[in-house]
Amino acid sequence: MSEQTDLTEQNQVMYDEAVKALMKVYDPEIPVNVWLLGLIYEVQPSVERKHIDVVMTLTSPACPVAGSIVVEIEYRLLAIEGVETVNVELTWDPPWSPEMMSEDARLELGYL
């Protein structure tokens, strides 16, 4: 197995762990986690750098709990073995809409 293949597999494991961690973070106003809500646009782990980059949005630019959600995401991701740094970037492009939710989330919230 090449070193590149090994790194790719390790990054996939870190990605999977990041998704599990993100599924434990809930928007306090909506009883669904940020992953199933479709608020997470990108997760880029780097085993070599011991780092995870996240690009995400919120349901609204006026979200009163924006700061606490970002802090909780950082906390959860830093708890993953081998992760030393995390960067969470908020974006409003594209804007979030209910269509971004998973089918399970839409069902739970009555969108189906």
N, C-alpha and C. Protein backbone atom coordinates (compact mmCIF):
# COMPACT_ATOMS: atom_id res chain seq x y z
N MET A 1 0.86 -1.18 0.00
CA MET A 1 0.00 0.00 0.00
C MET A 1 0.90 1.23 0.00
N SER A 2 0.58 2.19 -0.86
CA SER A 2 1.40 3.40 -0.94
C SER A 2 1.08 4.34 0.22
N GLU A 3 2.03 5.24 0.47
CA GLU A 3 1.84 6.22 1.54
C GLU A 3 0.62 7.10 1.24
N GLN A 4 0.42 7.45 -0.04
CA GLN A 4 -0.72 8.29 -0.44
C GLN A 4 -2.03 7.57 -0.17
N THR A 5 -2.10 6.28 -0.50
CA THR A 5 -3.31 5.51 -0.24
C THR A 5 -3.60 5.44 1.25
N ASP A 6 -2.55 5.24 2.04
CA ASP A 6 -2.70 5.18 3.49
C ASP A 6 -3.25 6.50 4.03
N LEU A 7 -2.72 7.64 3.54
CA LEU A 7 -3.21 8.95 3.98
C LEU A 7 -4.66 9.15 3.57
N THR A 8 -5.01 8.72 2.37
CA THR A 8 -6.38 8.86 1.89
C THR A 8 -7.33 8.08 2.80
N GLU A 9 -6.94 6.87 3.15
CA GLU A 9 -7.78 6.05 4.04
C GLU A 9 -7.88 6.68 5.42
N GLN A 10 -6.77 7.21 5.93
CA GLN A 10 -6.79 7.85 7.24
C GLN A 10 -7.66 9.11 7.21
N ASN A 11 -7.58 9.87 6.12
CA ASN A 11 -8.44 11.05 6.00
C ASN A 11 -9.91 10.65 5.94
N GLN A 12 -10.22 9.51 5.30
CA GLN A 12 -11.60 9.05 5.24
C GLN A 12 -12.10 8.68 6.65
N VAL A 13 -11.24 8.04 7.42
CA VAL A 13 -11.61 7.70 8.80
C VAL A 13 -11.86 8.98 9.60
N MET A 14 -10.97 9.98 9.44
CA MET A 14 -11.15 11.24 10.15
C MET A 14 -12.44 11.93 9.69
N TYR A 15 -12.74 11.87 8.39
CA TYR A 15 -13.98 12.44 7.87
C TYR A 15 -15.19 11.75 8.52
N ASP A 16 -15.17 10.43 8.55
CA ASP A 16 -16.29 9.68 9.14
C ASP A 16 -16.47 10.05 10.61
N GLU A 17 -15.37 10.20 11.34
CA GLU A 17 -15.45 10.60 12.74
C GLU A 17 -16.00 12.02 12.87
N ALA A 18 -15.61 12.90 11.95
CA ALA A 18 -16.12 14.27 11.97
C ALA A 18 -17.63 14.29 11.75
N VAL A 19 -18.11 13.49 10.81
CA VAL A 19 -19.56 13.43 10.57
C VAL A 19 -20.28 12.93 11.81
N LYS A 20 -19.75 11.91 12.47
CA LYS A 20 -20.36 11.41 13.71
C LYS A 20 -20.43 12.53 14.76
N ALA A 21 -19.33 13.29 14.86
CA ALA A 21 -19.30 14.39 15.83
C ALA A 21 -20.31 15.47 15.47
N LEU A 22 -20.41 15.80 14.20
CA LEU A 22 -21.36 16.83 13.76
C LEU A 22 -22.80 16.41 14.00
N MET A 23 -23.05 15.12 13.97
CA MET A 23 -24.42 14.63 14.20
C MET A 23 -24.82 14.74 15.67
N LYS A 24 -23.89 15.17 16.52
CA LYS A 24 -24.19 15.40 17.94
C LYS A 24 -24.44 16.87 18.24
N VAL A 25 -24.34 17.72 17.22
CA VAL A 25 -24.52 19.16 17.40
C VAL A 25 -25.91 19.53 16.88
N TYR A 26 -26.71 20.11 17.76
CA TYR A 26 -28.09 20.46 17.41
C TYR A 26 -28.27 21.97 17.41
N ASP A 27 -29.06 22.43 16.47
CA ASP A 27 -29.52 23.82 16.50
C ASP A 27 -30.52 23.86 17.66
N PRO A 28 -30.30 24.71 18.67
CA PRO A 28 -31.18 24.70 19.84
C PRO A 28 -32.64 25.04 19.53
N GLU A 29 -32.88 25.66 18.40
CA GLU A 29 -34.25 26.03 18.05
C GLU A 29 -34.95 24.96 17.22
N ILE A 30 -34.19 23.98 16.72
CA ILE A 30 -34.75 22.93 15.86
C ILE A 30 -34.23 21.59 16.37
N PRO A 31 -35.10 20.63 16.62
CA PRO A 31 -34.65 19.36 17.22
C PRO A 31 -34.00 18.39 16.23
N VAL A 32 -33.13 18.92 15.36
CA VAL A 32 -32.43 18.10 14.37
C VAL A 32 -30.97 18.55 14.36
N ASN A 33 -30.06 17.61 14.16
CA ASN A 33 -28.64 17.98 14.18
C ASN A 33 -28.24 18.75 12.92
N VAL A 34 -27.11 19.45 13.02
CA VAL A 34 -26.66 20.34 11.93
C VAL A 34 -26.35 19.57 10.65
N TRP A 35 -25.93 18.32 10.78
CA TRP A 35 -25.62 17.51 9.60
C TRP A 35 -26.89 17.20 8.82
N LEU A 36 -27.91 16.68 9.51
CA LEU A 36 -29.16 16.33 8.84
C LEU A 36 -29.94 17.56 8.38
N LEU A 37 -29.72 18.69 9.05
CA LEU A 37 -30.36 19.94 8.60
C LEU A 37 -29.77 20.45 7.30
N GLY A 38 -28.61 19.91 6.92
CA GLY A 38 -27.96 20.38 5.70
C GLY A 38 -27.18 21.66 5.89
N LEU A 39 -26.81 21.96 7.13
CA LEU A 39 -26.06 23.18 7.41
C LEU A 39 -24.56 23.04 7.12
N ILE A 40 -24.09 21.81 7.00
CA ILE A 40 -22.67 21.57 6.75
C ILE A 40 -22.47 21.38 5.24
N TYR A 41 -21.71 22.29 4.65
CA TYR A 41 -21.47 22.24 3.21
C TYR A 41 -20.21 21.45 2.86
N GLU A 42 -19.22 21.49 3.73
CA GLU A 42 -17.95 20.86 3.40
C GLU A 42 -17.21 20.48 4.68
N VAL A 43 -16.59 19.30 4.65
CA VAL A 43 -15.73 18.83 5.73
C VAL A 43 -14.45 18.34 5.07
N GLN A 44 -13.34 18.97 5.40
CA GLN A 44 -12.05 18.62 4.80
C GLN A 44 -11.05 18.27 5.91
N PRO A 45 -10.86 16.97 6.17
CA PRO A 45 -9.88 16.57 7.17
C PRO A 45 -8.48 16.48 6.57
N SER A 46 -7.48 16.70 7.41
CA SER A 46 -6.09 16.50 7.01
C SER A 46 -5.37 15.80 8.15
N VAL A 47 -5.15 14.51 7.98
CA VAL A 47 -4.44 13.74 9.00
C VAL A 47 -3.02 14.30 9.16
N GLU A 48 -2.39 14.65 8.05
CA GLU A 48 -1.02 15.17 8.10
C GLU A 48 -0.93 16.44 8.95
N ARG A 49 -1.90 17.34 8.78
CA ARG A 49 -1.90 18.60 9.53
C ARG A 49 -2.62 18.49 10.88
N LYS A 50 -3.27 17.34 11.12
CA LYS A 50 -4.06 17.14 12.34
C LYS A 50 -5.13 18.22 12.46
N HIS A 51 -5.81 18.44 11.35
CA HIS A 51 -6.70 19.60 11.21
C HIS A 51 -7.96 19.20 10.44
N ILE A 52 -9.07 19.90 10.76
CA ILE A 52 -10.31 19.75 10.00
C ILE A 52 -10.84 21.14 9.66
N ASP A 53 -11.14 21.35 8.38
CA ASP A 53 -11.81 22.56 7.92
C ASP A 53 -13.28 22.23 7.69
N VAL A 54 -14.16 23.13 8.12
CA VAL A 54 -15.60 22.96 7.92
C VAL A 54 -16.14 24.25 7.31
N VAL A 55 -16.95 24.10 6.27
CA VAL A 55 -17.69 25.23 5.71
C VAL A 55 -19.15 24.93 5.98
N MET A 56 -19.83 25.90 6.59
CA MET A 56 -21.21 25.67 6.98
C MET A 56 -22.02 26.95 6.86
N THR A 57 -23.30 26.80 7.00
CA THR A 57 -24.21 27.93 7.03
C THR A 57 -25.13 27.78 8.23
N LEU A 58 -26.03 28.69 8.37
CA LEU A 58 -27.07 28.62 9.40
C LEU A 58 -28.42 28.78 8.73
N THR A 59 -29.47 28.49 9.44
CA THR A 59 -30.80 28.59 8.84
C THR A 59 -31.15 30.03 8.51
N SER A 60 -30.49 30.98 9.19
CA SER A 60 -30.76 32.40 8.96
C SER A 60 -29.54 33.22 9.36
N PRO A 61 -29.23 34.28 8.61
CA PRO A 61 -28.12 35.15 9.00
C PRO A 61 -28.35 35.80 10.37
N ALA A 62 -29.60 35.87 10.79
CA ALA A 62 -29.93 36.48 12.08
C ALA A 62 -30.01 35.45 13.20
N CYS A 63 -29.50 34.26 12.96
CA CYS A 63 -29.56 33.18 13.96
C CYS A 63 -28.93 33.64 15.27
N PRO A 64 -29.70 33.66 16.35
CA PRO A 64 -29.19 34.16 17.63
C PRO A 64 -28.17 33.23 18.30
N VAL A 65 -28.06 31.99 17.85
CA VAL A 65 -27.15 31.05 18.49
C VAL A 65 -25.96 30.69 17.60
N ALA A 66 -25.69 31.52 16.62
CA ALA A 66 -24.61 31.24 15.67
C ALA A 66 -23.29 30.97 16.38
N GLY A 67 -22.92 31.83 17.31
CA GLY A 67 -21.66 31.67 18.01
C GLY A 67 -21.57 30.38 18.79
N SER A 68 -22.65 30.02 19.46
CA SER A 68 -22.60 28.81 20.28
C SER A 68 -22.55 27.54 19.42
N ILE A 69 -23.19 27.55 18.27
CA ILE A 69 -23.14 26.37 17.38
C ILE A 69 -21.72 26.18 16.87
N VAL A 70 -21.08 27.26 16.44
CA VAL A 70 -19.71 27.16 15.93
C VAL A 70 -18.77 26.67 17.03
N VAL A 71 -18.91 27.18 18.24
CA VAL A 71 -18.07 26.75 19.36
C VAL A 71 -18.29 25.27 19.65
N GLU A 72 -19.54 24.83 19.63
CA GLU A 72 -19.81 23.41 19.90
C GLU A 72 -19.23 22.53 18.80
N ILE A 73 -19.32 22.96 17.55
CA ILE A 73 -18.73 22.19 16.45
C ILE A 73 -17.22 22.06 16.66
N GLU A 74 -16.57 23.17 16.98
CA GLU A 74 -15.13 23.13 17.22
C GLU A 74 -14.81 22.17 18.36
N TYR A 75 -15.56 22.26 19.44
CA TYR A 75 -15.35 21.40 20.62
C TYR A 75 -15.48 19.92 20.24
N ARG A 76 -16.54 19.60 19.53
CA ARG A 76 -16.78 18.19 19.15
C ARG A 76 -15.69 17.66 18.23
N LEU A 77 -15.26 18.49 17.28
CA LEU A 77 -14.24 18.03 16.33
C LEU A 77 -12.87 17.92 17.00
N LEU A 78 -12.56 18.82 17.92
CA LEU A 78 -11.28 18.74 18.63
C LEU A 78 -11.21 17.52 19.55
N ALA A 79 -12.35 16.93 19.87
CA ALA A 79 -12.38 15.73 20.71
C ALA A 79 -12.00 14.47 19.93
N ILE A 80 -11.93 14.57 18.60
CA ILE A 80 -11.56 13.42 17.77
C ILE A 80 -10.06 13.17 17.93
N GLU A 81 -9.71 11.92 18.17
CA GLU A 81 -8.31 11.56 18.33
C GLU A 81 -7.50 11.97 17.10
N GLY A 82 -6.39 12.66 17.34
CA GLY A 82 -5.53 13.08 16.24
C GLY A 82 -5.83 14.46 15.69
N VAL A 83 -6.91 15.09 16.13
CA VAL A 83 -7.25 16.43 15.66
C VAL A 83 -6.75 17.45 16.67
N GLU A 84 -5.93 18.38 16.18
CA GLU A 84 -5.39 19.43 17.06
C GLU A 84 -5.94 20.81 16.76
N THR A 85 -6.36 21.03 15.50
CA THR A 85 -6.91 22.33 15.13
C THR A 85 -8.13 22.15 14.25
N VAL A 86 -9.03 23.13 14.35
CA VAL A 86 -10.27 23.13 13.57
C VAL A 86 -10.52 24.55 13.10
N ASN A 87 -11.00 24.68 11.88
CA ASN A 87 -11.42 25.98 11.37
C ASN A 87 -12.85 25.82 10.84
N VAL A 88 -13.76 26.63 11.39
CA VAL A 88 -15.15 26.61 10.94
C VAL A 88 -15.42 27.94 10.25
N GLU A 89 -15.79 27.85 8.98
CA GLU A 89 -16.10 29.05 8.19
C GLU A 89 -17.59 29.11 7.94
N LEU A 90 -18.21 30.24 8.30
CA LEU A 90 -19.63 30.45 8.00
C LEU A 90 -19.76 31.09 6.63
N THR A 91 -20.71 30.62 5.85
CA THR A 91 -20.98 31.19 4.54
C THR A 91 -22.49 31.32 4.37
N TRP A 92 -22.88 32.23 3.51
CA TRP A 92 -24.31 32.41 3.21
C TRP A 92 -24.58 32.11 1.74
N ASP A 93 -23.60 31.52 1.08
CA ASP A 93 -23.72 31.20 -0.34
C ASP A 93 -23.40 29.74 -0.56
N PRO A 94 -24.35 28.91 -0.90
CA PRO A 94 -25.74 29.28 -1.14
C PRO A 94 -26.50 29.41 0.18
N PRO A 95 -27.55 30.21 0.16
CA PRO A 95 -28.36 30.33 1.38
C PRO A 95 -29.05 29.01 1.69
N TRP A 96 -29.21 28.74 2.97
CA TRP A 96 -29.86 27.50 3.39
C TRP A 96 -31.34 27.55 3.03
N SER A 97 -31.89 26.38 2.68
CA SER A 97 -33.32 26.24 2.47
C SER A 97 -33.73 24.85 2.95
N PRO A 98 -35.01 24.65 3.25
CA PRO A 98 -35.45 23.35 3.75
C PRO A 98 -35.14 22.18 2.81
N GLU A 99 -34.96 22.45 1.53
CA GLU A 99 -34.63 21.38 0.58
C GLU A 99 -33.26 20.77 0.86
N MET A 100 -32.43 21.46 1.63
CA MET A 100 -31.09 20.97 1.95
C MET A 100 -31.11 19.92 3.07
N MET A 101 -32.22 19.81 3.75
CA MET A 101 -32.33 18.84 4.84
C MET A 101 -32.38 17.42 4.29
N SER A 102 -31.91 16.48 5.09
CA SER A 102 -32.05 15.07 4.73
C SER A 102 -33.54 14.71 4.73
N GLU A 103 -33.86 13.62 4.10
CA GLU A 103 -35.26 13.16 4.08
C GLU A 103 -35.76 12.90 5.50
N ASP A 104 -34.90 12.31 6.35
CA ASP A 104 -35.28 12.06 7.74
C ASP A 104 -35.62 13.35 8.47
N ALA A 105 -34.80 14.39 8.25
CA ALA A 105 -35.04 15.68 8.92
C ALA A 105 -36.34 16.31 8.41
N ARG A 106 -36.56 16.26 7.10
CA ARG A 106 -37.80 16.83 6.55
C ARG A 106 -39.02 16.09 7.10
N LEU A 107 -38.92 14.79 7.23
CA LEU A 107 -40.02 13.99 7.78
C LEU A 107 -40.26 14.37 9.23
N GLU A 108 -39.19 14.45 10.02
CA GLU A 108 -39.32 14.78 11.45
C GLU A 108 -39.92 16.17 11.66
N LEU A 109 -39.59 17.09 10.78
CA LEU A 109 -40.08 18.48 10.93
C LEU A 109 -41.36 18.75 10.16
N GLY A 110 -41.92 17.71 9.54
CA GLY A 110 -43.20 17.86 8.86
C GLY A 110 -43.13 18.49 7.48
N TYR A 111 -41.99 18.41 6.81
CA TYR A 111 -41.85 18.94 5.45
C TYR A 111 -42.24 17.91 4.39
N LEU A 112 -42.49 16.66 4.78
CA LEU A 112 -42.88 15.62 3.82
C LEU A 112 -44.33 15.22 4.05
